[in-house]
C-alpha atoms as a PDB file:
ATOM      1  CA  UNK A   1     131.721 119.469  72.283  1.00  0.00           C
ATOM      2  CA  UNK A   2     134.098 117.121  74.146  1.00  0.00           C
ATOM      3  CA  UNK A   3     133.168 118.771  77.466  1.00  0.00           C
ATOM      4  CA  UNK A   4     129.426 118.296  76.757  1.00  0.00           C
ATOM      5  CA  UNK A   5     129.959 114.613  75.909  1.00  0.00           C
ATOM      6  CA  UNK A   6     131.952 114.145  79.126  1.00  0.00           C
ATOM      7  CA  UNK A   7     129.102 115.656  81.157  1.00  0.00           C
ATOM      8  CA  UNK A   8     126.627 113.248  79.528  1.00  0.00           C
ATOM      9  CA  UNK A   9     128.876 110.281  80.292  1.00  0.00           C
ATOM     10  CA  UNK A  10     129.283 111.424  83.912  1.00  0.00           C
ATOM     11  CA  UNK A  11     125.511 111.853  84.250  1.00  0.00           C
ATOM     12  CA  UNK A  12     124.871 108.380  82.815  1.00  0.00           C
ATOM     13  CA  UNK A  13     127.523 106.901  85.100  1.00  0.00           C
ATOM     14  CA  UNK A  14     125.905 108.612  88.083  1.00  0.00           C
ATOM     15  CA  UNK A  15     122.492 107.147  87.212  1.00  0.00           C
ATOM     16  CA  UNK A  16     123.994 103.671  86.900  1.00  0.00           C
ATOM     17  CA  UNK A  17     125.686 104.007  90.305  1.00  0.00           C
ATOM     18  CA  UNK A  18     122.413 105.188  91.891  1.00  0.00           C
ATOM     19  CA  UNK A  19     120.536 102.248  90.369  1.00  0.00           C
ATOM     20  CA  UNK A  20     123.176  99.803  91.611  1.00  0.00           C
ATOM     21  CA  UNK A  21     122.926 101.243  95.125  1.00  0.00           C
ATOM     22  CA  UNK A  22     119.140 100.889  95.130  1.00  0.00           C
ATOM     23  CA  UNK A  23     119.361  97.258  94.007  1.00  0.00           C
ATOM     24  CA  UNK A  24     122.026  96.540  96.602  1.00  0.00           C
ATOM     25  CA  UNK A  25     119.936  98.158  99.369  1.00  0.00           C
ATOM     26  CA  UNK A  26     116.899  96.092  98.364  1.00  0.00           C
ATOM     27  CA  UNK A  27     118.843  92.836  98.642  1.00  0.00           C
ATOM     28  CA  UNK A  28     120.500  93.949 101.858  1.00  0.00           C
ATOM     29  CA  UNK A  29     117.109  94.610 103.440  1.00  0.00           C
ATOM     30  CA  UNK A  30     115.696  91.314 102.188  1.00  0.00           C
ATOM     31  CA  UNK A  31     112.916  93.061 100.250  1.00  0.00           C
ATOM     32  CA  UNK A  32     111.747  91.517  96.983  1.00  0.00           C
ATOM     33  CA  UNK A  33     109.522  92.987  94.340  1.00  0.00           C
ATOM     34  CA  UNK A  34     105.904  91.821  94.332  1.00  0.00           C
ATOM     35  CA  UNK A  35     105.213  89.341  91.501  1.00  0.00           C
ATOM     36  CA  UNK A  36     103.891  90.451  88.117  1.00  0.00           C
ATOM     37  CA  UNK A  37     101.390  88.213  86.330  1.00  0.00           C
ATOM     38  CA  UNK A  38      99.755  87.854  82.932  1.00  0.00           C
ATOM     39  CA  UNK A  39      96.308  89.454  83.068  1.00  0.00           C
ATOM     40  CA  UNK A  40      94.220  87.651  80.452  1.00  0.00           C
ATOM     41  CA  UNK A  41      90.557  88.588  80.053  1.00  0.00           C
ATOM     42  CA  UNK A  42      88.541  89.069  83.257  1.00  0.00           C
ATOM     43  CA  UNK A  43      85.365  86.978  83.174  1.00  0.00           C
ATOM     44  CA  UNK A  44      84.110  87.197  86.758  1.00  0.00           C
ATOM     45  CA  UNK A  45      84.906  89.205  89.880  1.00  0.00           C
ATOM     46  CA  UNK A  46      83.472  89.030  93.394  1.00  0.00           C
ATOM     47  CA  UNK A  47      84.235  91.173  96.445  1.00  0.00           C
ATOM     48  CA  UNK A  48      83.093  89.791  99.809  1.00  0.00           C
ATOM     49  CA  UNK A  49      83.598  91.015 103.389  1.00  0.00           C
ATOM     50  CA  UNK A  50      84.821  88.421 105.903  1.00  0.00           C
ATOM     51  CA  UNK A  51      82.504  89.763 108.616  1.00  0.00           C
ATOM     52  CA  UNK A  52      79.483  89.616 106.280  1.00  0.00           C
ATOM     53  CA  UNK A  53      80.118  85.949 105.501  1.00  0.00           C
ATOM     54  CA  UNK A  54      80.620  85.134 109.162  1.00  0.00           C
ATOM     55  CA  UNK A  55      77.322  86.823 110.096  1.00  0.00           C
ATOM     56  CA  UNK A  56      75.593  84.954 107.273  1.00  0.00           C
ATOM     57  CA  UNK A  57      76.701  81.600 108.703  1.00  0.00           C
ATOM     58  CA  UNK A  58      75.790  82.490 112.276  1.00  0.00           C
ATOM     59  CA  UNK A  59      72.372  83.798 111.227  1.00  0.00           C
ATOM     60  CA  UNK A  60      71.307  80.415 109.842  1.00  0.00           C
ATOM     61  CA  UNK A  61      69.206  78.196 112.049  1.00  0.00           C
ATOM     62  CA  UNK A  62      70.514  74.917 113.450  1.00  0.00           C
ATOM     63  CA  UNK A  63      68.152  73.071 111.112  1.00  0.00           C
ATOM     64  CA  UNK A  64      69.547  74.843 108.038  1.00  0.00           C
ATOM     65  CA  UNK A  65      73.138  74.098 109.013  1.00  0.00           C
ATOM     66  CA  UNK A  66      72.372  70.474 109.870  1.00  0.00           C
ATOM     67  CA  UNK A  67      70.843  70.045 106.390  1.00  0.00           C
ATOM     68  CA  UNK A  68      74.080  71.400 104.905  1.00  0.00           C
ATOM     69  CA  UNK A  69      76.039  68.640 106.640  1.00  0.00           C
ATOM     70  CA  UNK A  70      77.175  70.326 109.850  1.00  0.00           C
ATOM     71  CA  UNK A  71      77.165  68.175 112.981  1.00  0.00           C
ATOM     72  CA  UNK A  72      75.867  69.207 116.412  1.00  0.00           C
ATOM     73  CA  UNK A  73      79.499  69.641 117.505  1.00  0.00           C
ATOM     74  CA  UNK A  74      80.086  71.927 114.527  1.00  0.00           C
ATOM     75  CA  UNK A  75      77.093  74.023 115.535  1.00  0.00           C
ATOM     76  CA  UNK A  76      78.460  74.470 119.050  1.00  0.00           C
ATOM     77  CA  UNK A  77      81.797  75.606 117.619  1.00  0.00           C
ATOM     78  CA  UNK A  78      80.143  78.080 115.228  1.00  0.00           C
ATOM     79  CA  UNK A  79      77.946  79.568 117.953  1.00  0.00           C
ATOM     80  CA  UNK A  80      80.925  79.977 120.297  1.00  0.00           C
ATOM     81  CA  UNK A  81      82.986  82.162 117.939  1.00  0.00           C
ATOM     82  CA  UNK A  82      83.137  85.870 118.794  1.00  0.00           C
ATOM     83  CA  UNK A  83      84.271  87.646 115.620  1.00  0.00           C
ATOM     84  CA  UNK A  84      84.491  91.071 117.256  1.00  0.00           C
ATOM     85  CA  UNK A  85      86.715  89.721 120.001  1.00  0.00           C
ATOM     86  CA  UNK A  86      89.012  88.066 117.468  1.00  0.00           C
ATOM     87  CA  UNK A  87      89.210  91.287 115.425  1.00  0.00           C
ATOM     88  CA  UNK A  88      90.004  93.336 118.527  1.00  0.00           C
ATOM     89  CA  UNK A  89      93.048  91.144 119.226  1.00  0.00           C
ATOM     90  CA  UNK A  90      94.403  92.063 115.804  1.00  0.00           C
ATOM     91  CA  UNK A  91      93.533  95.764 116.110  1.00  0.00           C
ATOM     92  CA  UNK A  92      95.144  96.042 119.565  1.00  0.00           C
ATOM     93  CA  UNK A  93      98.455  94.925 118.058  1.00  0.00           C
ATOM     94  CA  UNK A  94      98.141  97.166 115.006  1.00  0.00           C
ATOM     95  CA  UNK A  95      97.283 100.239 117.103  1.00  0.00           C
ATOM     96  CA  UNK A  96     100.873 100.149 118.396  1.00  0.00           C
ATOM     97  CA  UNK A  97     102.294 100.580 114.870  1.00  0.00           C
ATOM     98  CA  UNK A  98     103.097 103.867 113.130  1.00  0.00           C
ATOM     99  CA  UNK A  99     101.076 105.220 110.194  1.00  0.00           C
ATOM    100  CA  UNK A 100     103.650 104.373 107.533  1.00  0.00           C
ATOM    101  CA  UNK A 101     103.679 100.737 108.612  1.00  0.00           C
ATOM    102  CA  UNK A 102      99.890 100.581 108.580  1.00  0.00           C
ATOM    103  CA  UNK A 103      99.829 102.107 105.087  1.00  0.00           C
ATOM    104  CA  UNK A 104     102.317  99.464 103.925  1.00  0.00           C
ATOM    105  CA  UNK A 105      99.933  96.851 105.309  1.00  0.00           C
ATOM    106  CA  UNK A 106      97.211  98.164 102.987  1.00  0.00           C
ATOM    107  CA  UNK A 107      95.188 100.396 105.314  1.00  0.00           C
ATOM    108  CA  UNK A 108      93.695 103.670 104.114  1.00  0.00           C
ATOM    109  CA  UNK A 109      93.824 106.936 106.063  1.00  0.00           C
ATOM    110  CA  UNK A 110      90.237 106.387 107.256  1.00  0.00           C
ATOM    111  CA  UNK A 111      90.995 102.847 108.421  1.00  0.00           C
ATOM    112  CA  UNK A 112      94.117 104.008 110.257  1.00  0.00           C
ATOM    113  CA  UNK A 113      92.004 106.582 112.089  1.00  0.00           C
ATOM    114  CA  UNK A 114      89.624 103.775 113.119  1.00  0.00           C
ATOM    115  CA  UNK A 115      92.537 101.617 114.340  1.00  0.00           C
ATOM    116  CA  UNK A 116      93.832 104.407 116.580  1.00  0.00           C
ATOM    117  CA  UNK A 117      90.323 105.118 117.908  1.00  0.00           C
ATOM    118  CA  UNK A 118      88.827 101.634 117.993  1.00  0.00           C
ATOM    119  CA  UNK A 119      85.892 101.051 120.357  1.00  0.00           C
ATOM    120  CA  UNK A 120      84.311  98.007 118.714  1.00  0.00           C
ATOM    121  CA  UNK A 121      81.319  99.729 117.123  1.00  0.00           C
ATOM    122  CA  UNK A 122      79.625  97.841 114.279  1.00  0.00           C
ATOM    123  CA  UNK A 123      80.700 100.421 111.692  1.00  0.00           C
ATOM    124  CA  UNK A 124      84.326 100.092 112.862  1.00  0.00           C
ATOM    125  CA  UNK A 125      84.183  96.306 112.628  1.00  0.00           C
ATOM    126  CA  UNK A 126      83.030  96.596 109.017  1.00  0.00           C
ATOM    127  CA  UNK A 127      85.688  99.210 108.261  1.00  0.00           C
ATOM    128  CA  UNK A 128      88.522  96.952 109.442  1.00  0.00           C
ATOM    129  CA  UNK A 129      87.204  93.564 108.329  1.00  0.00           C
ATOM    130  CA  UNK A 130      89.147  92.028 105.480  1.00  0.00           C
ATOM    131  CA  UNK A 131      87.608  91.879 102.010  1.00  0.00           C
ATOM    132  CA  UNK A 132      88.375  89.071  99.601  1.00  0.00           C
ATOM    133  CA  UNK A 133      88.574  89.911  95.898  1.00  0.00           C
ATOM    134  CA  UNK A 134      88.154  86.772  93.777  1.00  0.00           C
ATOM    135  CA  UNK A 135      88.723  87.126  90.018  1.00  0.00           C
ATOM    136  CA  UNK A 136      88.720  84.553  87.220  1.00  0.00           C
ATOM    137  CA  UNK A 137      90.468  85.198  83.891  1.00  0.00           C
ATOM    138  CA  UNK A 138      90.552  83.293  80.615  1.00  0.00           C
ATOM    139  CA  UNK A 139      94.075  83.164  79.188  1.00  0.00           C
ATOM    140  CA  UNK A 140      93.364  81.184  76.003  1.00  0.00           C
ATOM    141  CA  UNK A 141      90.896  78.729  74.448  1.00  0.00           C
ATOM    142  CA  UNK A 142      90.332  76.828  71.205  1.00  0.00           C
ATOM    143  CA  UNK A 143      88.232  74.011  69.762  1.00  0.00           C
ATOM    144  CA  UNK A 144      88.368  71.448  66.978  1.00  0.00           C
ATOM    145  CA  UNK A 145      86.798  68.088  66.226  1.00  0.00           C
ATOM    146  CA  UNK A 146      89.756  66.334  67.877  1.00  0.00           C
ATOM    147  CA  UNK A 147      90.758  68.709  70.719  1.00  0.00           C
ATOM    148  CA  UNK A 148      89.097  71.476  72.712  1.00  0.00           C
ATOM    149  CA  UNK A 149      90.987  73.338  75.419  1.00  0.00           C
ATOM    150  CA  UNK A 150      90.929  76.336  77.713  1.00  0.00           C
ATOM    151  CA  UNK A 151      93.415  77.888  80.129  1.00  0.00           C
ATOM    152  CA  UNK A 152      92.030  79.890  83.046  1.00  0.00           C
ATOM    153  CA  UNK A 153      93.359  81.480  86.211  1.00  0.00           C
ATOM    154  CA  UNK A 154      91.560  82.424  89.416  1.00  0.00           C
ATOM    155  CA  UNK A 155      93.264  85.051  91.594  1.00  0.00           C
ATOM    156  CA  UNK A 156      92.566  86.020  95.177  1.00  0.00           C
ATOM    157  CA  UNK A 157      93.471  89.235  96.989  1.00  0.00           C
ATOM    158  CA  UNK A 158      92.752  90.056 100.628  1.00  0.00           C
ATOM    159  CA  UNK A 159      92.555  93.809 101.244  1.00  0.00           C
ATOM    160  CA  UNK A 160      93.715  93.320 104.851  1.00  0.00           C
ATOM    161  CA  UNK A 161      94.761  90.407 106.994  1.00  0.00           C
ATOM    162  CA  UNK A 162      91.699  88.299 107.830  1.00  0.00           C
ATOM    163  CA  UNK A 163      90.911  87.300 111.406  1.00  0.00           C
ATOM    164  CA  UNK A 164      91.680  83.630 110.739  1.00  0.00           C
ATOM    165  CA  UNK A 165      94.996  82.503 109.270  1.00  0.00           C
ATOM    166  CA  UNK A 166      94.463  78.753 108.963  1.00  0.00           C
ATOM    167  CA  UNK A 167      94.577  76.670 105.758  1.00  0.00           C
ATOM    168  CA  UNK A 168      92.109  77.950 103.145  1.00  0.00           C
ATOM    169  CA  UNK A 169      91.042  76.132  99.992  1.00  0.00           C
ATOM    170  CA  UNK A 170      90.292  77.281  96.437  1.00  0.00           C
ATOM    171  CA  UNK A 171      88.434  74.906  94.116  1.00  0.00           C
ATOM    172  CA  UNK A 172      87.219  74.961  90.523  1.00  0.00           C
ATOM    173  CA  UNK A 173      84.623  72.706  88.905  1.00  0.00           C
ATOM    174  CA  UNK A 174      83.800  72.676  85.196  1.00  0.00           C
ATOM    175  CA  UNK A 175      81.307  71.272  82.740  1.00  0.00           C
ATOM    176  CA  UNK A 176      81.728  69.063  79.662  1.00  0.00           C
ATOM    177  CA  UNK A 177      83.866  66.373  81.310  1.00  0.00           C
ATOM    178  CA  UNK A 178      87.133  68.124  80.521  1.00  0.00           C
ATOM    179  CA  UNK A 179      90.385  66.920  82.084  1.00  0.00           C
ATOM    180  CA  UNK A 180      92.865  69.097  83.929  1.00  0.00           C
ATOM    181  CA  UNK A 181      96.333  68.910  82.389  1.00  0.00           C
ATOM    182  CA  UNK A 182      99.692  68.925  84.138  1.00  0.00           C
ATOM    183  CA  UNK A 183     102.277  71.463  83.006  1.00  0.00           C
ATOM    184  CA  UNK A 184     103.139  75.131  83.387  1.00  0.00           C
ATOM    185  CA  UNK A 185      99.547  76.337  82.897  1.00  0.00           C
ATOM    186  CA  UNK A 186      98.219  74.298  85.841  1.00  0.00           C
ATOM    187  CA  UNK A 187      99.677  75.650  89.070  1.00  0.00           C
ATOM    188  CA  UNK A 188      99.077  77.213  92.460  1.00  0.00           C
ATOM    189  CA  UNK A 189     100.964  80.170  93.941  1.00  0.00           C
ATOM    190  CA  UNK A 190     100.644  82.119  97.182  1.00  0.00           C
ATOM    191  CA  UNK A 191     102.301  85.513  97.640  1.00  0.00           C
ATOM    192  CA  UNK A 192     103.276  86.101 101.259  1.00  0.00           C
ATOM    193  CA  UNK A 193     103.600  89.502 102.939  1.00  0.00           C
ATOM    194  CA  UNK A 194     105.174  90.218 106.310  1.00  0.00           C
ATOM    195  CA  UNK A 195     102.562  90.413 109.080  1.00  0.00           C
ATOM    196  CA  UNK A 196     104.439  93.044 111.066  1.00  0.00           C
ATOM    197  CA  UNK A 197     105.167  95.587 108.322  1.00  0.00           C
ATOM    198  CA  UNK A 198     103.266  94.640 105.202  1.00  0.00           C
ATOM    199  CA  UNK A 199     105.985  94.313 102.543  1.00  0.00           C
ATOM    200  CA  UNK A 200     106.275  91.404 100.130  1.00  0.00           C
ATOM    201  CA  UNK A 201     108.302  88.447 101.404  1.00  0.00           C
ATOM    202  CA  UNK A 202     108.164  85.596  98.882  1.00  0.00           C
ATOM    203  CA  UNK A 203     106.054  83.425  96.582  1.00  0.00           C
ATOM    204  CA  UNK A 204     105.458  79.762  97.385  1.00  0.00           C
ATOM    205  CA  UNK A 205     104.231  77.147  94.930  1.00  0.00           C
ATOM    206  CA  UNK A 206     101.141  75.145  95.905  1.00  0.00           C
ATOM    207  CA  UNK A 207     100.373  71.687  94.548  1.00  0.00           C
ATOM    208  CA  UNK A 208      97.179  71.216  92.539  1.00  0.00           C
ATOM    209  CA  UNK A 209      94.886  68.299  93.438  1.00  0.00           C
ATOM    210  CA  UNK A 210      92.877  67.137  90.398  1.00  0.00           C
ATOM    211  CA  UNK A 211      89.510  65.400  90.610  1.00  0.00           C
ATOM    212  CA  UNK A 212      89.334  63.262  87.459  1.00  0.00           C
ATOM    213  CA  UNK A 213      87.431  65.101  84.705  1.00  0.00           C
ATOM    214  CA  UNK A 214      85.409  67.253  87.092  1.00  0.00           C
ATOM    215  CA  UNK A 215      87.574  69.827  88.815  1.00  0.00           C
ATOM    216  CA  UNK A 216      90.669  70.621  90.854  1.00  0.00           C
ATOM    217  CA  UNK A 217      91.674  72.450  94.036  1.00  0.00           C
ATOM    218  CA  UNK A 218      94.573  73.940  95.973  1.00  0.00           C
ATOM    219  CA  UNK A 219      95.066  74.258  99.736  1.00  0.00           C
ATOM    220  CA  UNK A 220      96.435  77.625 100.839  1.00  0.00           C
ATOM    221  CA  UNK A 221      98.518  77.846 104.038  1.00  0.00           C
ATOM    222  CA  UNK A 222      97.462  81.335 105.090  1.00  0.00           C
ATOM    223  CA  UNK A 223     100.326  81.869 107.531  1.00  0.00           C
ATOM    224  CA  UNK A 224     104.068  81.246 107.550  1.00  0.00           C
ATOM    225  CA  UNK A 225     105.648  81.251 111.005  1.00  0.00           C
ATOM    226  CA  UNK A 226     109.360  81.592 110.250  1.00  0.00           C
ATOM    227  CA  UNK A 227     112.466  82.804 112.068  1.00  0.00           C
ATOM    228  CA  UNK A 228     113.092  85.615 109.580  1.00  0.00           C
ATOM    229  CA  UNK A 229     109.590  87.054 109.995  1.00  0.00           C
ATOM    230  CA  UNK A 230     105.986  85.848 110.042  1.00  0.00           C
ATOM    231  CA  UNK A 231     103.985  86.291 106.840  1.00  0.00           C
ATOM    232  CA  UNK A 232     100.528  85.654 105.414  1.00  0.00           C
ATOM    233  CA  UNK A 233      99.120  84.837 101.968  1.00  0.00           C
ATOM    234  CA  UNK A 234      97.676  88.177 100.907  1.00  0.00           C
ATOM    235  CA  UNK A 235      97.386  87.303  97.213  1.00  0.00           C
ATOM    236  CA  UNK A 236      97.705  84.244  95.027  1.00  0.00           C
ATOM    237  CA  UNK A 237      96.868  82.466  91.797  1.00  0.00           C
ATOM    238  CA  UNK A 238      95.315  79.164  90.765  1.00  0.00           C
ATOM    239  CA  UNK A 239      95.900  78.307  87.097  1.00  0.00           C
ATOM    240  CA  UNK A 240      94.289  75.369  85.336  1.00  0.00           C
ATOM    241  CA  UNK A 241      94.433  74.131  81.762  1.00  0.00           C
ATOM    242  CA  UNK A 242      91.589  71.797  80.815  1.00  0.00           C
ATOM    243  CA  UNK A 243      91.151  69.764  77.627  1.00  0.00           C
ATOM    244  CA  UNK A 244      88.932  67.189  75.941  1.00  0.00           C
ATOM    245  CA  UNK A 245      89.689  65.170  72.825  1.00  0.00           C
ATOM    246  CA  UNK A 246      86.460  66.073  71.084  1.00  0.00           C
ATOM    247  CA  UNK A 247      84.503  69.121  69.968  1.00  0.00           C
ATOM    248  CA  UNK A 248      83.299  71.256  72.877  1.00  0.00           C
ATOM    249  CA  UNK A 249      81.120  74.200  71.874  1.00  0.00           C
ATOM    250  CA  UNK A 250      80.785  75.894  75.278  1.00  0.00           C
ATOM    251  CA  UNK A 251      82.233  75.657  78.753  1.00  0.00           C
ATOM    252  CA  UNK A 252      81.090  76.726  82.217  1.00  0.00           C
ATOM    253  CA  UNK A 253      83.384  77.027  85.237  1.00  0.00           C
ATOM    254  CA  UNK A 254      82.458  77.607  88.878  1.00  0.00           C
ATOM    255  CA  UNK A 255      85.136  78.549  91.426  1.00  0.00           C
ATOM    256  CA  UNK A 256      84.748  78.769  95.189  1.00  0.00           C
ATOM    257  CA  UNK A 257      87.136  80.142  97.825  1.00  0.00           C
ATOM    258  CA  UNK A 258      86.713  78.381 101.167  1.00  0.00           C
ATOM    259  CA  UNK A 259      87.815  80.345 104.235  1.00  0.00           C
ATOM    260  CA  UNK A 260      88.802  78.134 107.179  1.00  0.00           C
ATOM    261  CA  UNK A 261      88.162  79.012 110.830  1.00  0.00           C
ATOM    262  CA  UNK A 262      89.641  75.861 112.364  1.00  0.00           C
ATOM    263  CA  UNK A 263      93.053  74.216 112.426  1.00  0.00           C
ATOM    264  CA  UNK A 264      91.839  71.079 110.614  1.00  0.00           C
ATOM    265  CA  UNK A 265      92.911  70.545 107.014  1.00  0.00           C
ATOM    266  CA  UNK A 266      90.057  71.517 104.673  1.00  0.00           C
ATOM    267  CA  UNK A 267      88.609  69.217 102.009  1.00  0.00           C
ATOM    268  CA  UNK A 268      86.235  69.616  99.079  1.00  0.00           C
ATOM    269  CA  UNK A 269      83.715  67.234  97.554  1.00  0.00           C
ATOM    270  CA  UNK A 270      82.778  67.592  93.882  1.00  0.00           C
ATOM    271  CA  UNK A 271      79.188  66.855  92.887  1.00  0.00           C
ATOM    272  CA  UNK A 272      77.298  67.318  89.622  1.00  0.00           C
ATOM    273  CA  UNK A 273      78.217  70.686  88.105  1.00  0.00           C
ATOM    274  CA  UNK A 274      78.266  73.269  89.661  1.00  0.00           C
ATOM    275  CA  UNK A 275      78.290  71.468  93.001  1.00  0.00           C
ATOM    276  CA  UNK A 276      81.153  72.060  95.441  1.00  0.00           C
ATOM    277  CA  UNK A 277      80.933  71.159  99.123  1.00  0.00           C
ATOM    278  CA  UNK A 278      83.624  72.098 101.635  1.00  0.00           C
ATOM    279  CA  UNK A 279      84.325  70.304 104.897  1.00  0.00           C
ATOM    280  CA  UNK A 280      82.600  71.558 108.048  1.00  0.00           C
ATOM    281  CA  UNK A 281      85.465  73.838 109.140  1.00  0.00           C
ATOM    282  CA  UNK A 282      85.233  75.934 105.966  1.00  0.00           C
ATOM    283  CA  UNK A 283      82.683  78.486 104.792  1.00  0.00           C
ATOM    284  CA  UNK A 284      82.348  79.660 101.220  1.00  0.00           C
ATOM    285  CA  UNK A 285      83.903  83.134 101.206  1.00  0.00           C
ATOM    286  CA  UNK A 286      83.497  84.091  97.522  1.00  0.00           C
ATOM    287  CA  UNK A 287      82.540  82.479  94.223  1.00  0.00           C
ATOM    288  CA  UNK A 288      83.008  83.133  90.499  1.00  0.00           C
ATOM    289  CA  UNK A 289      80.856  81.776  87.657  1.00  0.00           C
ATOM    290  CA  UNK A 290      82.149  82.015  84.092  1.00  0.00           C
ATOM    291  CA  UNK A 291      80.927  80.949  80.669  1.00  0.00           C
ATOM    292  CA  UNK A 292      83.062  80.582  77.558  1.00  0.00           C
ATOM    293  CA  UNK A 293      81.682  80.161  74.039  1.00  0.00           C
ATOM    294  CA  UNK A 294      84.564  78.169  72.572  1.00  0.00           C
END
């Protein structure tokens, strides 16, 4: 009986030592665990291909784009962009990496095969173009004659690194004249992953810019160029708690992720709900529309 108990103690001690070694190795290699977040209830989800959105913009006539607010200089810039050439620059670098590294970066077996055999065909461009997953969740809501409130969160996830790593923007606009509140439920976060080998690096907080009782936005630096390794914002979260000191029966929220192709800092203009307009350097990559019966 004593011998059996000793074996159990030795086994437990061995497991503890193994766990300690794993933790120590993780810190020694500078690798952190990817963040875990509260899920809430999914209200809206959109999946959009970066190449599809780019083709959509370039397919519009000059007249259509001018009506949307683009200038003649903007049109020249849009027409001069060669998406396939920009993608090839990325693929040429990735083709020099081993399969395990490419898997860590989020590529599937089929995509890795395309990377190693890339010729620029249309089907290959689609296969390697980044997709943006935009999802909006409701975390909580309530109403009364004196206070109505709702807490929501919009998440983004890029399946692969997009061609452009400038400053993106994520904005939300809502109905009923509700005000965004400061505090722990209103926040922005970007989760950065190493460009060269795909593992999680760190989470950075992003300041939220409110727009009175209409909406709010965050600007997302898509790239970090740092001495300990370059990284990009693969995933992130935009949380917003909104309230009104009166009875609100129902609420609508429209969110829009603006993907930026230029180095200029993006801006957003809020119009009557559900109107959002991004600055000329930004195109709307993906949107969510949600409705809550409070």
